[in-house]
Amino acid sequence: MPIDGKIDCFGDICPVPLIKLERALKNIGPGDSVTLVTDHSCVPESVMDKFGKQRLQIDSDEVMNGIWEITVTKCHQE
């Protein structure tokens, strides 16, 4: 479970960030978000590839040179 909605993935290479994110998403409800923080440039694209077709809103931002925050929000069921 992430602490304060953030998953620290500094130094983690794929697929570790994807596994951590998948576990965290199982523990949040519709409308809730989790933010994955990484220093590997391949992770934002990997997150989109793995989770992009699910009912999730995914926002990625390079907050500093070489540091990305990827916020994933579970969409409400219709």
N, C-alpha and C. Protein backbone atom coordinates (compact mmCIF):
# COMPACT_ATOMS: atom_id res chain seq x y z
N MET A 1 0.84 -1.19 0.00
CA MET A 1 0.00 0.00 0.00
C MET A 1 0.88 1.24 0.00
N PRO A 2 0.57 2.20 -0.85
CA PRO A 2 1.39 3.41 -0.88
C PRO A 2 1.20 4.24 0.39
N ILE A 3 2.23 4.99 0.72
CA ILE A 3 2.14 5.90 1.86
C ILE A 3 1.71 7.26 1.33
N ASP A 4 0.64 7.82 1.89
CA ASP A 4 0.12 9.12 1.48
C ASP A 4 -0.17 9.18 -0.02
N GLY A 5 -0.57 8.05 -0.61
CA GLY A 5 -0.94 8.02 -2.01
C GLY A 5 0.22 8.11 -2.98
N LYS A 6 1.46 7.97 -2.50
CA LYS A 6 2.63 8.02 -3.37
C LYS A 6 3.38 6.69 -3.30
N ILE A 7 3.86 6.27 -4.48
CA ILE A 7 4.67 5.07 -4.57
C ILE A 7 6.07 5.51 -4.98
N ASP A 8 7.05 5.24 -4.15
CA ASP A 8 8.44 5.62 -4.44
C ASP A 8 9.07 4.51 -5.26
N CYS A 9 9.40 4.81 -6.51
CA CYS A 9 10.03 3.84 -7.40
C CYS A 9 11.41 4.31 -7.86
N PHE A 10 12.06 5.15 -7.06
CA PHE A 10 13.41 5.60 -7.41
C PHE A 10 14.34 4.40 -7.46
N GLY A 11 15.03 4.25 -8.58
CA GLY A 11 15.97 3.16 -8.74
C GLY A 11 15.34 1.86 -9.20
N ASP A 12 14.01 1.76 -9.20
CA ASP A 12 13.33 0.55 -9.64
C ASP A 12 13.24 0.53 -11.16
N ILE A 13 13.56 -0.60 -11.77
CA ILE A 13 13.42 -0.73 -13.21
C ILE A 13 12.23 -1.62 -13.51
N CYS A 14 11.70 -1.50 -14.73
CA CYS A 14 10.54 -2.29 -15.12
C CYS A 14 10.87 -3.77 -15.02
N PRO A 15 9.94 -4.55 -14.52
CA PRO A 15 8.52 -4.26 -14.29
C PRO A 15 8.16 -3.87 -12.86
N VAL A 16 9.15 -3.61 -12.00
CA VAL A 16 8.87 -3.34 -10.58
C VAL A 16 7.87 -2.19 -10.38
N PRO A 17 8.03 -1.02 -11.04
CA PRO A 17 7.04 0.05 -10.84
C PRO A 17 5.62 -0.37 -11.26
N LEU A 18 5.51 -1.16 -12.32
CA LEU A 18 4.19 -1.61 -12.78
C LEU A 18 3.55 -2.54 -11.75
N ILE A 19 4.34 -3.41 -11.16
CA ILE A 19 3.82 -4.32 -10.13
C ILE A 19 3.37 -3.54 -8.91
N LYS A 20 4.18 -2.57 -8.47
CA LYS A 20 3.81 -1.75 -7.31
C LYS A 20 2.53 -0.97 -7.59
N LEU A 21 2.40 -0.41 -8.81
CA LEU A 21 1.21 0.35 -9.16
C LEU A 21 -0.02 -0.56 -9.21
N GLU A 22 0.13 -1.72 -9.79
CA GLU A 22 -0.99 -2.66 -9.89
C GLU A 22 -1.50 -3.04 -8.50
N ARG A 23 -0.59 -3.30 -7.57
CA ARG A 23 -0.98 -3.62 -6.18
C ARG A 23 -1.71 -2.46 -5.53
N ALA A 24 -1.20 -1.25 -5.74
CA ALA A 24 -1.82 -0.07 -5.13
C ALA A 24 -3.22 0.17 -5.69
N LEU A 25 -3.40 -0.04 -6.99
CA LEU A 25 -4.71 0.19 -7.61
C LEU A 25 -5.77 -0.76 -7.08
N LYS A 26 -5.38 -1.92 -6.60
CA LYS A 26 -6.33 -2.88 -6.02
C LYS A 26 -6.88 -2.38 -4.69
N ASN A 27 -6.16 -1.45 -4.06
CA ASN A 27 -6.52 -0.98 -2.72
C ASN A 27 -7.16 0.40 -2.70
N ILE A 28 -7.47 0.96 -3.86
CA ILE A 28 -8.15 2.27 -3.87
C ILE A 28 -9.50 2.13 -4.55
N GLY A 29 -10.39 3.05 -4.24
CA GLY A 29 -11.73 3.01 -4.80
C GLY A 29 -11.91 4.00 -5.93
N PRO A 30 -13.08 3.95 -6.58
CA PRO A 30 -13.38 4.90 -7.65
C PRO A 30 -13.24 6.35 -7.18
N GLY A 31 -12.58 7.16 -7.99
CA GLY A 31 -12.35 8.56 -7.66
C GLY A 31 -11.06 8.80 -6.90
N ASP A 32 -10.44 7.72 -6.38
CA ASP A 32 -9.18 7.86 -5.65
C ASP A 32 -8.00 7.81 -6.61
N SER A 33 -6.90 8.40 -6.17
CA SER A 33 -5.69 8.47 -7.00
C SER A 33 -4.48 7.93 -6.26
N VAL A 34 -3.51 7.52 -7.02
CA VAL A 34 -2.20 7.15 -6.49
C VAL A 34 -1.16 7.74 -7.44
N THR A 35 -0.05 8.21 -6.88
CA THR A 35 1.01 8.82 -7.68
C THR A 35 2.27 7.98 -7.56
N LEU A 36 2.80 7.59 -8.71
CA LEU A 36 4.03 6.83 -8.79
C LEU A 36 5.14 7.82 -9.15
N VAL A 37 6.23 7.80 -8.39
CA VAL A 37 7.36 8.69 -8.63
C VAL A 37 8.54 7.83 -9.08
N THR A 38 9.11 8.19 -10.23
CA THR A 38 10.17 7.36 -10.81
C THR A 38 11.28 8.21 -11.42
N ASP A 39 12.44 7.59 -11.55
CA ASP A 39 13.56 8.25 -12.21
C ASP A 39 13.98 7.50 -13.47
N HIS A 40 13.10 6.65 -13.97
CA HIS A 40 13.38 5.91 -15.21
C HIS A 40 12.43 6.36 -16.30
N SER A 41 12.99 6.81 -17.41
CA SER A 41 12.20 7.41 -18.48
C SER A 41 11.25 6.44 -19.17
N CYS A 42 11.49 5.14 -19.06
CA CYS A 42 10.62 4.17 -19.73
C CYS A 42 9.32 3.92 -18.96
N VAL A 43 9.27 4.27 -17.69
CA VAL A 43 8.11 3.94 -16.85
C VAL A 43 6.82 4.63 -17.30
N PRO A 44 6.81 5.94 -17.62
CA PRO A 44 5.55 6.55 -18.06
C PRO A 44 4.93 5.83 -19.27
N GLU A 45 5.75 5.48 -20.24
CA GLU A 45 5.25 4.77 -21.42
C GLU A 45 4.77 3.37 -21.05
N SER A 46 5.50 2.70 -20.17
CA SER A 46 5.10 1.36 -19.74
C SER A 46 3.77 1.38 -18.99
N VAL A 47 3.56 2.41 -18.17
CA VAL A 47 2.29 2.54 -17.45
C VAL A 47 1.15 2.72 -18.45
N MET A 48 1.36 3.57 -19.46
CA MET A 48 0.31 3.77 -20.48
C MET A 48 0.04 2.47 -21.24
N ASP A 49 1.08 1.74 -21.58
CA ASP A 49 0.91 0.49 -22.31
C ASP A 49 0.12 -0.53 -21.50
N LYS A 50 0.42 -0.64 -20.21
CA LYS A 50 -0.21 -1.66 -19.37
C LYS A 50 -1.60 -1.25 -18.89
N PHE A 51 -1.79 0.01 -18.54
CA PHE A 51 -3.04 0.43 -17.89
C PHE A 51 -3.90 1.36 -18.73
N GLY A 52 -3.43 1.76 -19.89
CA GLY A 52 -4.11 2.76 -20.71
C GLY A 52 -5.51 2.39 -21.18
N LYS A 53 -5.81 1.12 -21.29
CA LYS A 53 -7.13 0.71 -21.78
C LYS A 53 -8.10 0.38 -20.65
N GLN A 54 -7.66 0.56 -19.42
CA GLN A 54 -8.53 0.32 -18.27
C GLN A 54 -9.26 1.61 -17.93
N ARG A 55 -10.24 1.53 -17.05
CA ARG A 55 -11.02 2.71 -16.65
C ARG A 55 -10.22 3.53 -15.65
N LEU A 56 -9.14 4.13 -16.17
CA LEU A 56 -8.24 4.92 -15.35
C LEU A 56 -7.88 6.20 -16.08
N GLN A 57 -7.71 7.25 -15.32
CA GLN A 57 -7.16 8.49 -15.88
C GLN A 57 -5.69 8.52 -15.49
N ILE A 58 -4.83 8.67 -16.49
CA ILE A 58 -3.39 8.64 -16.24
C ILE A 58 -2.79 9.97 -16.68
N ASP A 59 -2.13 10.64 -15.75
CA ASP A 59 -1.46 11.91 -16.03
C ASP A 59 0.01 11.76 -15.66
N SER A 60 0.88 12.09 -16.60
CA SER A 60 2.31 11.98 -16.38
C SER A 60 2.96 13.35 -16.55
N ASP A 61 3.90 13.67 -15.65
CA ASP A 61 4.56 14.95 -15.71
C ASP A 61 6.02 14.78 -15.28
N GLU A 62 6.94 15.31 -16.07
CA GLU A 62 8.35 15.33 -15.68
C GLU A 62 8.53 16.55 -14.79
N VAL A 63 8.52 16.34 -13.47
CA VAL A 63 8.52 17.44 -12.51
C VAL A 63 9.89 18.07 -12.32
N MET A 64 10.93 17.30 -12.56
CA MET A 64 12.31 17.79 -12.59
C MET A 64 13.01 17.00 -13.68
N ASN A 65 14.14 17.47 -14.10
CA ASN A 65 14.88 16.76 -15.14
C ASN A 65 15.16 15.32 -14.69
N GLY A 66 14.54 14.35 -15.36
CA GLY A 66 14.75 12.94 -15.05
C GLY A 66 13.90 12.38 -13.94
N ILE A 67 12.92 13.15 -13.44
CA ILE A 67 12.01 12.68 -12.39
C ILE A 67 10.58 12.84 -12.89
N TRP A 68 9.83 11.73 -12.90
CA TRP A 68 8.45 11.75 -13.37
C TRP A 68 7.50 11.41 -12.24
N GLU A 69 6.35 12.09 -12.23
CA GLU A 69 5.23 11.75 -11.36
C GLU A 69 4.09 11.32 -12.26
N ILE A 70 3.62 10.11 -12.05
CA ILE A 70 2.52 9.55 -12.83
C ILE A 70 1.35 9.36 -11.87
N THR A 71 0.29 10.14 -12.07
CA THR A 71 -0.88 10.06 -11.21
C THR A 71 -1.95 9.25 -11.94
N VAL A 72 -2.43 8.22 -11.26
CA VAL A 72 -3.45 7.34 -11.82
C VAL A 72 -4.69 7.43 -10.93
N THR A 73 -5.82 7.76 -11.55
CA THR A 73 -7.10 7.90 -10.85
C THR A 73 -8.07 6.86 -11.37
N LYS A 74 -8.69 6.14 -10.45
CA LYS A 74 -9.73 5.19 -10.84
C LYS A 74 -10.98 5.96 -11.21
N CYS A 75 -11.55 5.66 -12.37
CA CYS A 75 -12.77 6.31 -12.80
C CYS A 75 -13.97 5.71 -12.09
N HIS A 76 -15.02 6.51 -11.94
CA HIS A 76 -16.26 6.01 -11.34
C HIS A 76 -16.95 5.07 -12.30
N GLN A 77 -17.58 4.04 -11.77
CA GLN A 77 -18.36 3.11 -12.59
C GLN A 77 -19.60 3.79 -13.11
N GLU A 78 -20.00 3.46 -14.33
CA GLU A 78 -21.24 4.04 -14.88
C GLU A 78 -22.35 3.05 -14.76
